Amino acid sequence: MWKKCYSLDQTIQAYILQGLAFIGNPQALDLFVEIVGTEVANYCQGNVRRIAASGLGRIGSTSSNPQIIHRASETLKWALLNPQDWGLRYTAAACLQKIATPLAKMALHQALKQEDDKVVLSRISVAINSIE
């Protein structure tokens, strides 16, 4: 169902994801990981992926389960370091700031060295400064 983000139902799907992201229920973790990940990169527009990344940030920053936090952080790390979508990288930086684990800090420092976009670079700097 979620691989059909290009359909006319994309707006409805985005609203559903936005609701799930706001709630931050860990049961949505797999869905958010799938949407952010490389598998759906060619199917979904950026706004859907950014909403899913925000959901991962909410889940990772409110969970007490180390496995959930790690999985959310790893996916956000990938989103920060790999996609061409600067908006997704920006969102990932903000979400990693909320999670604020050693893994999140490491990913932000790594991104600081490789990021070319000035806006994303600025957001990464803000995230690092707030964590340290």
C-alpha atoms as a PDB file:
ATOM      1  CA  MET A   1       0.000   0.000   0.000  1.00  0.00           C
ATOM      2  CA  TRP A   2       2.707   2.537   0.950  1.00  0.00           C
ATOM      3  CA  LYS A   3       4.703   1.945  -2.219  1.00  0.00           C
ATOM      4  CA  LYS A   4       1.866   3.567  -4.128  1.00  0.00           C
ATOM      5  CA  CYS A   5       2.646   7.025  -2.767  1.00  0.00           C
ATOM      6  CA  TYR A   6       2.555   8.410  -6.282  1.00  0.00           C
ATOM      7  CA  SER A   7      -1.173   7.714  -6.576  1.00  0.00           C
ATOM      8  CA  LEU A   8      -4.022  10.124  -5.959  1.00  0.00           C
ATOM      9  CA  ASP A   9      -4.192   8.794  -2.416  1.00  0.00           C
ATOM     10  CA  GLN A  10      -0.834  10.361  -1.513  1.00  0.00           C
ATOM     11  CA  THR A  11      -2.432  13.278   0.338  1.00  0.00           C
ATOM     12  CA  ILE A  12      -4.553  10.951   2.443  1.00  0.00           C
ATOM     13  CA  GLN A  13      -1.542   8.747   3.137  1.00  0.00           C
ATOM     14  CA  ALA A  14       0.491  11.794   4.171  1.00  0.00           C
ATOM     15  CA  TYR A  15      -2.227  12.836   6.648  1.00  0.00           C
ATOM     16  CA  ILE A  16      -2.378   9.332   8.095  1.00  0.00           C
ATOM     17  CA  LEU A  17       1.394   9.284   8.468  1.00  0.00           C
ATOM     18  CA  GLN A  18       1.318  12.723  10.048  1.00  0.00           C
ATOM     19  CA  GLY A  19      -1.161  11.471  12.631  1.00  0.00           C
ATOM     20  CA  LEU A  20       0.937   8.402  13.349  1.00  0.00           C
ATOM     21  CA  ALA A  21       4.077  10.547  13.603  1.00  0.00           C
ATOM     22  CA  PHE A  22       2.353  12.883  16.061  1.00  0.00           C
ATOM     23  CA  ILE A  23       1.222   9.978  18.227  1.00  0.00           C
ATOM     24  CA  GLY A  24       4.710   8.438  18.174  1.00  0.00           C
ATOM     25  CA  ASN A  25       3.529   4.891  18.821  1.00  0.00           C
ATOM     26  CA  PRO A  26       6.411   2.406  18.455  1.00  0.00           C
ATOM     27  CA  GLN A  27       4.084   0.079  16.546  1.00  0.00           C
ATOM     28  CA  ALA A  28       4.540   2.418  13.562  1.00  0.00           C
ATOM     29  CA  LEU A  29       8.335   2.013  13.646  1.00  0.00           C
ATOM     30  CA  ASP A  30       8.523  -0.579  10.854  1.00  0.00           C
ATOM     31  CA  LEU A  31       6.275   1.494   8.622  1.00  0.00           C
ATOM     32  CA  PHE A  32       8.359   4.645   9.117  1.00  0.00           C
ATOM     33  CA  VAL A  33      11.619   2.761   8.553  1.00  0.00           C
ATOM     34  CA  GLU A  34      10.258   1.341   5.295  1.00  0.00           C
ATOM     35  CA  ILE A  35       9.077   4.710   4.023  1.00  0.00           C
ATOM     36  CA  VAL A  36      12.307   6.534   4.877  1.00  0.00           C
ATOM     37  CA  GLY A  37      14.525   3.723   3.598  1.00  0.00           C
ATOM     38  CA  THR A  38      15.988   3.188   0.174  1.00  0.00           C
ATOM     39  CA  GLU A  39      13.357   0.681  -0.893  1.00  0.00           C
ATOM     40  CA  VAL A  40      10.662   3.310  -1.370  1.00  0.00           C
ATOM     41  CA  ALA A  41      12.919   6.188  -2.348  1.00  0.00           C
ATOM     42  CA  ASN A  42      11.812   6.081  -5.967  1.00  0.00           C
ATOM     43  CA  TYR A  43       8.108   5.870  -5.163  1.00  0.00           C
ATOM     44  CA  CYS A  44       7.398   8.471  -2.521  1.00  0.00           C
ATOM     45  CA  GLN A  45       7.639  12.188  -2.776  1.00  0.00           C
ATOM     46  CA  GLY A  46       9.864  13.872  -0.252  1.00  0.00           C
ATOM     47  CA  ASN A  47       7.127  15.176   2.018  1.00  0.00           C
ATOM     48  CA  VAL A  48       5.948  11.645   2.833  1.00  0.00           C
ATOM     49  CA  ARG A  49       9.492  10.567   3.656  1.00  0.00           C
ATOM     50  CA  ARG A  50      10.036  13.662   5.823  1.00  0.00           C
ATOM     51  CA  ILE A  51       6.842  12.939   7.758  1.00  0.00           C
ATOM     52  CA  ALA A  52       8.024   9.368   8.335  1.00  0.00           C
ATOM     53  CA  ALA A  53      11.413  10.661   9.522  1.00  0.00           C
ATOM     54  CA  SER A  54       9.615  12.942  11.970  1.00  0.00           C
ATOM     55  CA  GLY A  55       7.740   9.912  13.255  1.00  0.00           C
ATOM     56  CA  LEU A  56      11.020   8.110  13.811  1.00  0.00           C
ATOM     57  CA  GLY A  57      12.312  11.127  15.719  1.00  0.00           C
ATOM     58  CA  ARG A  58       9.247  11.178  17.958  1.00  0.00           C
ATOM     59  CA  ILE A  59       9.411   7.437  18.599  1.00  0.00           C
ATOM     60  CA  GLY A  60      13.167   7.459  19.208  1.00  0.00           C
ATOM     61  CA  SER A  61      13.020  10.418  21.571  1.00  0.00           C
ATOM     62  CA  THR A  62      10.123   9.117  23.679  1.00  0.00           C
ATOM     63  CA  SER A  63      10.880   5.392  23.864  1.00  0.00           C
ATOM     64  CA  SER A  64      12.741   3.765  26.713  1.00  0.00           C
ATOM     65  CA  ASN A  65      13.425   0.622  24.668  1.00  0.00           C
ATOM     66  CA  PRO A  66      17.083   0.657  23.528  1.00  0.00           C
ATOM     67  CA  GLN A  67      16.314  -1.484  20.457  1.00  0.00           C
ATOM     68  CA  ILE A  68      13.631   0.910  19.249  1.00  0.00           C
ATOM     69  CA  ILE A  69      15.854   3.928  19.871  1.00  0.00           C
ATOM     70  CA  HIS A  70      18.726   2.270  18.008  1.00  0.00           C
ATOM     71  CA  ARG A  71      16.588   1.308  15.016  1.00  0.00           C
ATOM     72  CA  ALA A  72      15.106   4.793  14.740  1.00  0.00           C
ATOM     73  CA  SER A  73      18.574   6.345  15.095  1.00  0.00           C
ATOM     74  CA  GLU A  74      20.128   4.084  12.466  1.00  0.00           C
ATOM     75  CA  THR A  75      17.422   4.914   9.954  1.00  0.00           C
ATOM     76  CA  LEU A  76      17.727   8.635  10.668  1.00  0.00           C
ATOM     77  CA  LYS A  77      21.504   8.360  10.355  1.00  0.00           C
ATOM     78  CA  TRP A  78      21.023   6.852   6.900  1.00  0.00           C
ATOM     79  CA  ALA A  79      18.558   9.639   6.040  1.00  0.00           C
ATOM     80  CA  LEU A  80      21.064  12.259   7.148  1.00  0.00           C
ATOM     81  CA  LEU A  81      24.044  10.861   5.264  1.00  0.00           C
ATOM     82  CA  ASN A  82      22.663   9.433   2.023  1.00  0.00           C
ATOM     83  CA  PRO A  83      19.607  10.903   0.269  1.00  0.00           C
ATOM     84  CA  GLN A  84      19.764  13.687  -2.284  1.00  0.00           C
ATOM     85  CA  ASP A  85      16.684  15.279  -0.699  1.00  0.00           C
ATOM     86  CA  TRP A  86      18.027  18.146   1.407  1.00  0.00           C
ATOM     87  CA  GLY A  87      14.687  18.380   3.240  1.00  0.00           C
ATOM     88  CA  LEU A  88      14.965  14.788   4.405  1.00  0.00           C
ATOM     89  CA  ARG A  89      18.530  15.381   5.593  1.00  0.00           C
ATOM     90  CA  TYR A  90      17.377  18.520   7.429  1.00  0.00           C
ATOM     91  CA  THR A  91      14.541  16.608   9.115  1.00  0.00           C
ATOM     92  CA  ALA A  92      16.882  13.774  10.062  1.00  0.00           C
ATOM     93  CA  ALA A  93      19.265  16.244  11.730  1.00  0.00           C
ATOM     94  CA  ALA A  94      16.425  17.747  13.774  1.00  0.00           C
ATOM     95  CA  CYS A  95      15.197  14.293  14.789  1.00  0.00           C
ATOM     96  CA  LEU A  96      18.649  13.074  15.781  1.00  0.00           C
ATOM     97  CA  GLN A  97      18.929  16.173  17.951  1.00  0.00           C
ATOM     98  CA  LYS A  98      15.770  15.067  19.802  1.00  0.00           C
ATOM     99  CA  ILE A  99      17.088  11.544  20.267  1.00  0.00           C
ATOM    100  CA  ALA A 100      20.497  12.821  21.468  1.00  0.00           C
ATOM    101  CA  THR A 101      22.179   9.424  21.930  1.00  0.00           C
ATOM    102  CA  PRO A 102      25.893   8.800  21.284  1.00  0.00           C
ATOM    103  CA  LEU A 103      24.926   7.283  17.907  1.00  0.00           C
ATOM    104  CA  ALA A 104      22.928  10.398  17.042  1.00  0.00           C
ATOM    105  CA  LYS A 105      25.856  12.616  18.002  1.00  0.00           C
ATOM    106  CA  MET A 106      28.258  10.547  15.928  1.00  0.00           C
ATOM    107  CA  ALA A 107      25.976  10.723  12.882  1.00  0.00           C
ATOM    108  CA  LEU A 108      25.653  14.493  13.209  1.00  0.00           C
ATOM    109  CA  HIS A 109      29.432  14.937  13.448  1.00  0.00           C
ATOM    110  CA  GLN A 110      29.922  12.680  10.417  1.00  0.00           C
ATOM    111  CA  ALA A 111      27.343  14.670   8.450  1.00  0.00           C
ATOM    112  CA  LEU A 112      29.002  17.941   9.439  1.00  0.00           C
ATOM    113  CA  LYS A 113      32.107  16.822   7.528  1.00  0.00           C
ATOM    114  CA  GLN A 114      30.303  15.824   4.336  1.00  0.00           C
ATOM    115  CA  GLU A 115      27.273  18.115   4.005  1.00  0.00           C
ATOM    116  CA  ASP A 116      27.379  20.676   1.174  1.00  0.00           C
ATOM    117  CA  ASP A 117      23.996  22.361   1.585  1.00  0.00           C
ATOM    118  CA  LYS A 118      24.326  25.470   3.776  1.00  0.00           C
ATOM    119  CA  VAL A 119      20.838  25.189   5.232  1.00  0.00           C
ATOM    120  CA  VAL A 120      21.296  21.556   6.250  1.00  0.00           C
ATOM    121  CA  LEU A 121      24.799  22.326   7.503  1.00  0.00           C
ATOM    122  CA  SER A 122      23.381  25.061   9.710  1.00  0.00           C
ATOM    123  CA  ARG A 123      20.725  22.678  11.103  1.00  0.00           C
ATOM    124  CA  ILE A 124      23.362  20.054  11.837  1.00  0.00           C
ATOM    125  CA  SER A 125      25.415  22.650  13.729  1.00  0.00           C
ATOM    126  CA  VAL A 126      22.401  23.681  15.793  1.00  0.00           C
ATOM    127  CA  ALA A 127      21.717  20.014  16.609  1.00  0.00           C
ATOM    128  CA  ILE A 128      25.307  19.352  17.677  1.00  0.00           C
ATOM    129  CA  ASN A 129      25.459  22.485  19.812  1.00  0.00           C
ATOM    130  CA  SER A 130      22.245  21.604  21.628  1.00  0.00           C
ATOM    131  CA  ILE A 131      23.406  18.069  22.382  1.00  0.00           C
ATOM    132  CA  GLU A 132      26.865  19.000  23.667  1.00  0.00           C
END
